[in-house]
Amino acid sequence: VLLNVPPIQQQFHWDCGLACSRMVLRYLHPVSEDDFEKACWELKLTQSVWTIDLAYLMHHLQIRHRFCTQTLGVDKGFRTQNFYKKHFDTEEDRVNKLFQNAESQGVVVKQCSVSVQEIQAHLEQGHVAIVLVNAVVLTCELCASPVKYCCFLPVGQKCFCRKPEYQGHFVVLCGFNKSAGSIYYNNPAYSDRVCCTSFRNLEDAWRSYGTDEDILFVFKDS
């Protein structure tokens, strides 16, 4: 299974989730750029985009979805992680309120663990999914060299930091090869390719501490 999801490159270091949303929308239910920008403005999306924000965005654009996560709200343990701590205090209340209000707003959120088999069944139906991964762990088998976390910095900005333990990044799952044990995904770091990794590597990256095992299932029959 390999779905024709167009790759779209992120424009900044922080908008991988929005780039993934653009890919999904272009595949499922074309939405004009004006409507997309208007939805982002109405939802007050800023430079800190969480998976729950993407679920609200799909609902706002009338796209059938289901957001599965291990944690309904913000894990307080993330306060000490470099990736989260800069915006943690301001984001904690905002994100928790989004979770609290989700059901009344029509946003579908489930606290559960998802198996690789469930992902395969979803993709077989022609649906897609946005997944939060640890970019430090995720390795594409097709790219000439492993994607380093610093390639998610703005174009032209060099990174001299030590390799972090966690770098949150969204990708779009768009296919799999069961016999090879591989899964295909679009990485918004690129605009010209479909990436591929093993189910094992995807699980390691997706189940890393920091992701809450977040996955946003999006349905073609929206």
C-alpha atoms as a PDB file:
ATOM      1  CA  VAL A   1       0.000   0.000   0.000  1.00  0.00           C
ATOM      2  CA  LEU A   2       1.381   3.405  -0.989  1.00  0.00           C
ATOM      3  CA  LEU A   3      -1.062   6.309  -0.980  1.00  0.00           C
ATOM      4  CA  ASN A   4      -0.504   9.326  -3.189  1.00  0.00           C
ATOM      5  CA  VAL A   5      -0.001  11.894  -0.443  1.00  0.00           C
ATOM      6  CA  PRO A   6       1.858  14.926  -1.839  1.00  0.00           C
ATOM      7  CA  PRO A   7       5.014  15.865   0.084  1.00  0.00           C
ATOM      8  CA  ILE A   8       4.997  19.459   1.333  1.00  0.00           C
ATOM      9  CA  GLN A   9       8.041  20.977   3.009  1.00  0.00           C
ATOM     10  CA  GLN A  10       7.783  22.913   6.240  1.00  0.00           C
ATOM     11  CA  GLN A  11       8.734  26.594   6.031  1.00  0.00           C
ATOM     12  CA  PHE A  12      10.072  27.096   9.543  1.00  0.00           C
ATOM     13  CA  HIS A  13      11.567  24.969  12.332  1.00  0.00           C
ATOM     14  CA  TRP A  14       8.239  24.918  14.204  1.00  0.00           C
ATOM     15  CA  ASP A  15       5.576  24.219  11.555  1.00  0.00           C
ATOM     16  CA  CYS A  16       6.078  20.521  10.757  1.00  0.00           C
ATOM     17  CA  GLY A  17       2.587  19.771  12.112  1.00  0.00           C
ATOM     18  CA  LEU A  18       0.991  22.359   9.860  1.00  0.00           C
ATOM     19  CA  ALA A  19       2.957  21.064   6.851  1.00  0.00           C
ATOM     20  CA  CYS A  20       1.679  17.550   7.628  1.00  0.00           C
ATOM     21  CA  SER A  21      -1.869  18.915   7.854  1.00  0.00           C
ATOM     22  CA  ARG A  22      -1.457  20.537   4.439  1.00  0.00           C
ATOM     23  CA  MET A  23      -0.324  17.191   2.970  1.00  0.00           C
ATOM     24  CA  VAL A  24      -3.288  15.357   4.455  1.00  0.00           C
ATOM     25  CA  LEU A  25      -5.776  17.991   3.317  1.00  0.00           C
ATOM     26  CA  ARG A  26      -4.397  18.048  -0.215  1.00  0.00           C
ATOM     27  CA  TYR A  27      -4.760  14.256  -0.362  1.00  0.00           C
ATOM     28  CA  LEU A  28      -8.207  14.013   1.220  1.00  0.00           C
ATOM     29  CA  HIS A  29     -10.189  17.139   0.772  1.00  0.00           C
ATOM     30  CA  PRO A  30      -8.510  20.035  -1.023  1.00  0.00           C
ATOM     31  CA  VAL A  31      -8.753  23.220   1.028  1.00  0.00           C
ATOM     32  CA  SER A  32      -7.632  26.578  -0.332  1.00  0.00           C
ATOM     33  CA  GLU A  33      -4.595  28.192   1.264  1.00  0.00           C
ATOM     34  CA  ASP A  34      -6.792  31.124   2.317  1.00  0.00           C
ATOM     35  CA  ASP A  35      -9.195  28.783   4.128  1.00  0.00           C
ATOM     36  CA  PHE A  36      -6.285  26.965   5.760  1.00  0.00           C
ATOM     37  CA  GLU A  37      -4.687  30.209   6.945  1.00  0.00           C
ATOM     38  CA  LYS A  38      -8.062  31.467   8.173  1.00  0.00           C
ATOM     39  CA  ALA A  39      -8.598  28.277  10.183  1.00  0.00           C
ATOM     40  CA  CYS A  40      -5.135  28.589  11.758  1.00  0.00           C
ATOM     41  CA  TRP A  41      -5.875  32.221  12.650  1.00  0.00           C
ATOM     42  CA  GLU A  42      -9.294  31.418  14.113  1.00  0.00           C
ATOM     43  CA  LEU A  43      -7.784  28.612  16.213  1.00  0.00           C
ATOM     44  CA  LYS A  44      -4.980  30.971  17.316  1.00  0.00           C
ATOM     45  CA  LEU A  45      -2.267  28.536  16.241  1.00  0.00           C
ATOM     46  CA  THR A  46       1.156  29.950  17.068  1.00  0.00           C
ATOM     47  CA  GLN A  47       4.722  28.672  16.885  1.00  0.00           C
ATOM     48  CA  SER A  48       3.934  25.976  19.447  1.00  0.00           C
ATOM     49  CA  VAL A  49       1.690  23.400  17.760  1.00  0.00           C
ATOM     50  CA  TRP A  50       0.658  20.274  19.677  1.00  0.00           C
ATOM     51  CA  THR A  51      -1.150  17.216  18.313  1.00  0.00           C
ATOM     52  CA  ILE A  52      -4.380  18.373  19.965  1.00  0.00           C
ATOM     53  CA  ASP A  53      -4.100  21.583  17.896  1.00  0.00           C
ATOM     54  CA  LEU A  54      -4.009  19.483  14.721  1.00  0.00           C
ATOM     55  CA  ALA A  55      -7.097  17.564  15.867  1.00  0.00           C
ATOM     56  CA  TYR A  56      -8.952  20.862  16.389  1.00  0.00           C
ATOM     57  CA  LEU A  57      -7.767  21.988  12.944  1.00  0.00           C
ATOM     58  CA  MET A  58      -9.175  18.851  11.292  1.00  0.00           C
ATOM     59  CA  HIS A  59     -12.492  19.305  13.087  1.00  0.00           C
ATOM     60  CA  HIS A  60     -12.592  22.985  12.118  1.00  0.00           C
ATOM     61  CA  LEU A  61     -12.177  21.994   8.459  1.00  0.00           C
ATOM     62  CA  GLN A  62     -14.824  19.248   8.792  1.00  0.00           C
ATOM     63  CA  ILE A  63     -12.387  16.362   8.401  1.00  0.00           C
ATOM     64  CA  ARG A  64     -13.272  13.105  10.190  1.00  0.00           C
ATOM     65  CA  HIS A  65     -10.504  12.241  12.612  1.00  0.00           C
ATOM     66  CA  ARG A  66      -9.555  10.359  15.767  1.00  0.00           C
ATOM     67  CA  PHE A  67      -6.693  11.474  17.984  1.00  0.00           C
ATOM     68  CA  CYS A  68      -5.202   8.672  20.098  1.00  0.00           C
ATOM     69  CA  THR A  69      -2.770   9.462  22.907  1.00  0.00           C
ATOM     70  CA  GLN A  70      -1.431   8.020  26.142  1.00  0.00           C
ATOM     71  CA  THR A  71      -1.992  11.265  28.072  1.00  0.00           C
ATOM     72  CA  LEU A  72      -5.138  13.404  28.145  1.00  0.00           C
ATOM     73  CA  GLY A  73      -3.405  16.703  28.768  1.00  0.00           C
ATOM     74  CA  VAL A  74       0.190  17.723  29.375  1.00  0.00           C
ATOM     75  CA  ASP A  75       2.622  15.312  31.029  1.00  0.00           C
ATOM     76  CA  LYS A  76       4.234  17.387  33.793  1.00  0.00           C
ATOM     77  CA  GLY A  77       7.407  15.364  33.343  1.00  0.00           C
ATOM     78  CA  PHE A  78       8.009  17.204  30.057  1.00  0.00           C
ATOM     79  CA  ARG A  79       8.805  20.368  32.041  1.00  0.00           C
ATOM     80  CA  THR A  80      12.422  19.224  32.389  1.00  0.00           C
ATOM     81  CA  GLN A  81      12.904  18.283  28.725  1.00  0.00           C
ATOM     82  CA  ASN A  82      14.845  20.836  26.693  1.00  0.00           C
ATOM     83  CA  PHE A  83      12.428  20.458  23.787  1.00  0.00           C
ATOM     84  CA  TYR A  84       9.430  21.507  25.898  1.00  0.00           C
ATOM     85  CA  LYS A  85      10.679  23.616  28.778  1.00  0.00           C
ATOM     86  CA  LYS A  86      10.981  26.966  26.970  1.00  0.00           C
ATOM     87  CA  HIS A  87       7.196  27.215  26.412  1.00  0.00           C
ATOM     88  CA  PHE A  88       5.996  24.754  29.045  1.00  0.00           C
ATOM     89  CA  ASP A  89       4.496  27.163  31.574  1.00  0.00           C
ATOM     90  CA  THR A  90       2.531  29.167  29.002  1.00  0.00           C
ATOM     91  CA  GLU A  91       1.441  26.105  27.040  1.00  0.00           C
ATOM     92  CA  GLU A  92       0.388  23.819  29.892  1.00  0.00           C
ATOM     93  CA  ASP A  93      -2.897  25.601  30.685  1.00  0.00           C
ATOM     94  CA  ARG A  94      -3.751  26.198  27.020  1.00  0.00           C
ATOM     95  CA  VAL A  95      -3.230  22.582  26.001  1.00  0.00           C
ATOM     96  CA  ASN A  96      -5.009  21.162  29.047  1.00  0.00           C
ATOM     97  CA  LYS A  97      -8.058  23.325  28.268  1.00  0.00           C
ATOM     98  CA  LEU A  98      -8.107  22.032  24.694  1.00  0.00           C
ATOM     99  CA  PHE A  99      -8.251  18.477  26.019  1.00  0.00           C
ATOM    100  CA  GLN A 100     -10.932  19.356  28.580  1.00  0.00           C
ATOM    101  CA  ASN A 101     -13.137  21.010  25.947  1.00  0.00           C
ATOM    102  CA  ALA A 102     -12.524  18.529  23.125  1.00  0.00           C
ATOM    103  CA  GLU A 103     -15.647  16.405  23.543  1.00  0.00           C
ATOM    104  CA  SER A 104     -18.001  19.388  23.782  1.00  0.00           C
ATOM    105  CA  GLN A 105     -16.346  20.905  20.694  1.00  0.00           C
ATOM    106  CA  GLY A 106     -16.729  17.714  18.644  1.00  0.00           C
ATOM    107  CA  VAL A 107     -13.006  16.913  18.597  1.00  0.00           C
ATOM    108  CA  VAL A 108     -12.483  13.133  18.874  1.00  0.00           C
ATOM    109  CA  VAL A 109      -9.817  12.217  21.437  1.00  0.00           C
ATOM    110  CA  LYS A 110      -9.197   8.724  22.855  1.00  0.00           C
ATOM    111  CA  GLN A 111      -6.778   7.709  25.591  1.00  0.00           C
ATOM    112  CA  CYS A 112      -5.444   4.421  24.270  1.00  0.00           C
ATOM    113  CA  SER A 113      -2.458   2.613  22.851  1.00  0.00           C
ATOM    114  CA  VAL A 114      -2.467   1.864  19.113  1.00  0.00           C
ATOM    115  CA  SER A 115      -0.859  -1.179  17.469  1.00  0.00           C
ATOM    116  CA  VAL A 116       1.027  -1.331  14.186  1.00  0.00           C
ATOM    117  CA  GLN A 117      -1.711  -3.674  12.933  1.00  0.00           C
ATOM    118  CA  GLU A 118      -4.323  -0.961  13.543  1.00  0.00           C
ATOM    119  CA  ILE A 119      -2.214   1.502  11.561  1.00  0.00           C
ATOM    120  CA  GLN A 120      -1.913  -0.992   8.690  1.00  0.00           C
ATOM    121  CA  ALA A 121      -5.682  -1.563   8.638  1.00  0.00           C
ATOM    122  CA  HIS A 122      -6.256   2.201   8.581  1.00  0.00           C
ATOM    123  CA  LEU A 123      -3.856   2.731   5.663  1.00  0.00           C
ATOM    124  CA  GLU A 124      -5.343  -0.216   3.739  1.00  0.00           C
ATOM    125  CA  GLN A 125      -8.657   1.657   3.675  1.00  0.00           C
ATOM    126  CA  GLY A 126      -6.995   4.622   1.945  1.00  0.00           C
ATOM    127  CA  HIS A 127      -6.907   6.714   5.112  1.00  0.00           C
ATOM    128  CA  VAL A 128      -3.792   8.466   6.467  1.00  0.00           C
ATOM    129  CA  ALA A 129      -2.333   9.399   9.843  1.00  0.00           C
ATOM    130  CA  ILE A 130      -0.166  12.130  11.337  1.00  0.00           C
ATOM    131  CA  VAL A 131       2.169  10.770  13.998  1.00  0.00           C
ATOM    132  CA  LEU A 132       4.423  12.505  16.522  1.00  0.00           C
ATOM    133  CA  VAL A 133       7.890  10.946  16.581  1.00  0.00           C
ATOM    134  CA  ASN A 134      11.278  11.521  18.120  1.00  0.00           C
ATOM    135  CA  ALA A 135      13.256  12.718  15.098  1.00  0.00           C
ATOM    136  CA  VAL A 136      16.507  11.713  16.799  1.00  0.00           C
ATOM    137  CA  VAL A 137      15.406   8.062  16.637  1.00  0.00           C
ATOM    138  CA  LEU A 138      13.573   7.958  13.284  1.00  0.00           C
ATOM    139  CA  THR A 139      15.834   6.753  10.460  1.00  0.00           C
ATOM    140  CA  CYS A 140      14.879   6.643   6.779  1.00  0.00           C
ATOM    141  CA  GLU A 141      16.200   3.587   4.927  1.00  0.00           C
ATOM    142  CA  LEU A 142      16.046   5.360   1.552  1.00  0.00           C
ATOM    143  CA  CYS A 143      17.790   8.658   2.317  1.00  0.00           C
ATOM    144  CA  ALA A 144      21.517   8.799   1.604  1.00  0.00           C
ATOM    145  CA  SER A 145      22.307   9.909   5.148  1.00  0.00           C
ATOM    146  CA  PRO A 146      20.278   9.870   8.344  1.00  0.00           C
ATOM    147  CA  VAL A 147      18.197  12.980   8.924  1.00  0.00           C
ATOM    148  CA  LYS A 148      19.740  14.891  11.787  1.00  0.00           C
ATOM    149  CA  TYR A 149      17.526  16.821  14.149  1.00  0.00           C
ATOM    150  CA  CYS A 150      19.191  20.103  13.169  1.00  0.00           C
ATOM    151  CA  CYS A 151      17.779  19.926   9.639  1.00  0.00           C
ATOM    152  CA  PHE A 152      14.508  21.020  11.224  1.00  0.00           C
ATOM    153  CA  LEU A 153      16.088  24.399  11.971  1.00  0.00           C
ATOM    154  CA  PRO A 154      15.363  27.307   9.608  1.00  0.00           C
ATOM    155  CA  VAL A 155      17.145  27.074   6.265  1.00  0.00           C
ATOM    156  CA  GLY A 156      20.686  28.402   6.492  1.00  0.00           C
ATOM    157  CA  GLN A 157      20.879  28.238  10.288  1.00  0.00           C
ATOM    158  CA  LYS A 158      23.669  25.985  11.518  1.00  0.00           C
ATOM    159  CA  CYS A 159      23.378  23.911  14.644  1.00  0.00           C
ATOM    160  CA  PHE A 160      26.282  23.578  17.043  1.00  0.00           C
ATOM    161  CA  CYS A 161      24.378  21.955  19.892  1.00  0.00           C
ATOM    162  CA  ARG A 162      24.970  18.512  21.231  1.00  0.00           C
ATOM    163  CA  LYS A 163      22.578  15.897  19.929  1.00  0.00           C
ATOM    164  CA  PRO A 164      19.449  16.043  22.100  1.00  0.00           C
ATOM    165  CA  GLU A 165      17.660  13.020  23.511  1.00  0.00           C
ATOM    166  CA  TYR A 166      14.327  14.157  22.126  1.00  0.00           C
ATOM    167  CA  GLN A 167      13.244  16.273  19.169  1.00  0.00           C
ATOM    168  CA  GLY A 168       9.514  16.188  18.521  1.00  0.00           C
ATOM    169  CA  HIS A 169       8.569  16.034  14.854  1.00  0.00           C
ATOM    170  CA  PHE A 170       5.395  15.215  12.921  1.00  0.00           C
ATOM    171  CA  VAL A 171       5.321  12.933   9.857  1.00  0.00           C
ATOM    172  CA  VAL A 172       2.489  11.572   7.689  1.00  0.00           C
ATOM    173  CA  LEU A 173       2.101   7.788   7.430  1.00  0.00           C
ATOM    174  CA  CYS A 174       1.093   6.948   3.871  1.00  0.00           C
ATOM    175  CA  GLY A 175       1.755   3.256   3.178  1.00  0.00           C
ATOM    176  CA  PHE A 176       3.489   0.027   4.121  1.00  0.00           C
ATOM    177  CA  ASN A 177       5.033  -3.163   2.756  1.00  0.00           C
ATOM    178  CA  LYS A 178       3.997  -5.987   5.073  1.00  0.00           C
ATOM    179  CA  SER A 179       6.385  -8.601   3.637  1.00  0.00           C
ATOM    180  CA  ALA A 180       9.367  -6.258   3.993  1.00  0.00           C
ATOM    181  CA  GLY A 181       8.240  -5.010   7.404  1.00  0.00           C
ATOM    182  CA  SER A 182       8.461  -1.425   6.173  1.00  0.00           C
ATOM    183  CA  ILE A 183       6.289   1.651   6.551  1.00  0.00           C
ATOM    184  CA  TYR A 184       6.244   4.670   4.227  1.00  0.00           C
ATOM    185  CA  TYR A 185       5.936   8.229   5.443  1.00  0.00           C
ATOM    186  CA  ASN A 186       6.224  11.809   4.241  1.00  0.00           C
ATOM    187  CA  ASN A 187       8.708  13.855   6.235  1.00  0.00           C
ATOM    188  CA  PRO A 188       8.007  17.614   6.004  1.00  0.00           C
ATOM    189  CA  ALA A 189      11.761  18.221   6.174  1.00  0.00           C
ATOM    190  CA  TYR A 190      11.679  17.284   2.455  1.00  0.00           C
ATOM    191  CA  SER A 191       9.571  18.283  -0.529  1.00  0.00           C
ATOM    192  CA  ASP A 192      10.760  15.664  -3.024  1.00  0.00           C
ATOM    193  CA  ARG A 193      10.500  12.163  -1.553  1.00  0.00           C
ATOM    194  CA  VAL A 194       8.649   9.470   0.327  1.00  0.00           C
ATOM    195  CA  CYS A 195      10.663   8.067   3.221  1.00  0.00           C
ATOM    196  CA  CYS A 196      10.698   4.482   4.467  1.00  0.00           C
ATOM    197  CA  THR A 197      11.639   2.805   7.723  1.00  0.00           C
ATOM    198  CA  SER A 198      11.027  -0.478   9.515  1.00  0.00           C
ATOM    199  CA  PHE A 199       7.962  -0.952  11.700  1.00  0.00           C
ATOM    200  CA  ARG A 200      10.407  -1.443  14.588  1.00  0.00           C
ATOM    201  CA  ASN A 201      12.138   1.893  14.028  1.00  0.00           C
ATOM    202  CA  LEU A 202       8.823   3.704  13.654  1.00  0.00           C
ATOM    203  CA  GLU A 203       7.609   2.201  16.926  1.00  0.00           C
ATOM    204  CA  ASP A 204      10.841   3.181  18.687  1.00  0.00           C
ATOM    205  CA  ALA A 205      10.528   6.780  17.432  1.00  0.00           C
ATOM    206  CA  TRP A 206       6.777   7.018  18.061  1.00  0.00           C
ATOM    207  CA  ARG A 207       6.855   5.431  21.514  1.00  0.00           C
ATOM    208  CA  SER A 208       9.833   7.503  22.725  1.00  0.00           C
ATOM    209  CA  TYR A 209       9.290   9.438  25.933  1.00  0.00           C
ATOM    210  CA  GLY A 210       8.047  12.865  24.891  1.00  0.00           C
ATOM    211  CA  THR A 211       5.574  11.792  22.206  1.00  0.00           C
ATOM    212  CA  ASP A 212       2.780  10.387  24.416  1.00  0.00           C
ATOM    213  CA  GLU A 213       2.434   7.934  21.477  1.00  0.00           C
ATOM    214  CA  ASP A 214       0.319  10.609  19.765  1.00  0.00           C
ATOM    215  CA  ILE A 215      -1.292   9.603  16.476  1.00  0.00           C
ATOM    216  CA  LEU A 216      -3.984  11.499  14.594  1.00  0.00           C
ATOM    217  CA  PHE A 217      -5.998   9.191  12.335  1.00  0.00           C
ATOM    218  CA  VAL A 218      -7.599  11.053   9.443  1.00  0.00           C
ATOM    219  CA  PHE A 219     -10.315   9.509   7.297  1.00  0.00           C
ATOM    220  CA  LYS A 220     -10.740   9.780   3.552  1.00  0.00           C
ATOM    221  CA  ASP A 221     -14.554   9.748   3.679  1.00  0.00           C
ATOM    222  CA  SER A 222     -14.670  13.155   5.371  1.00  0.00           C
END
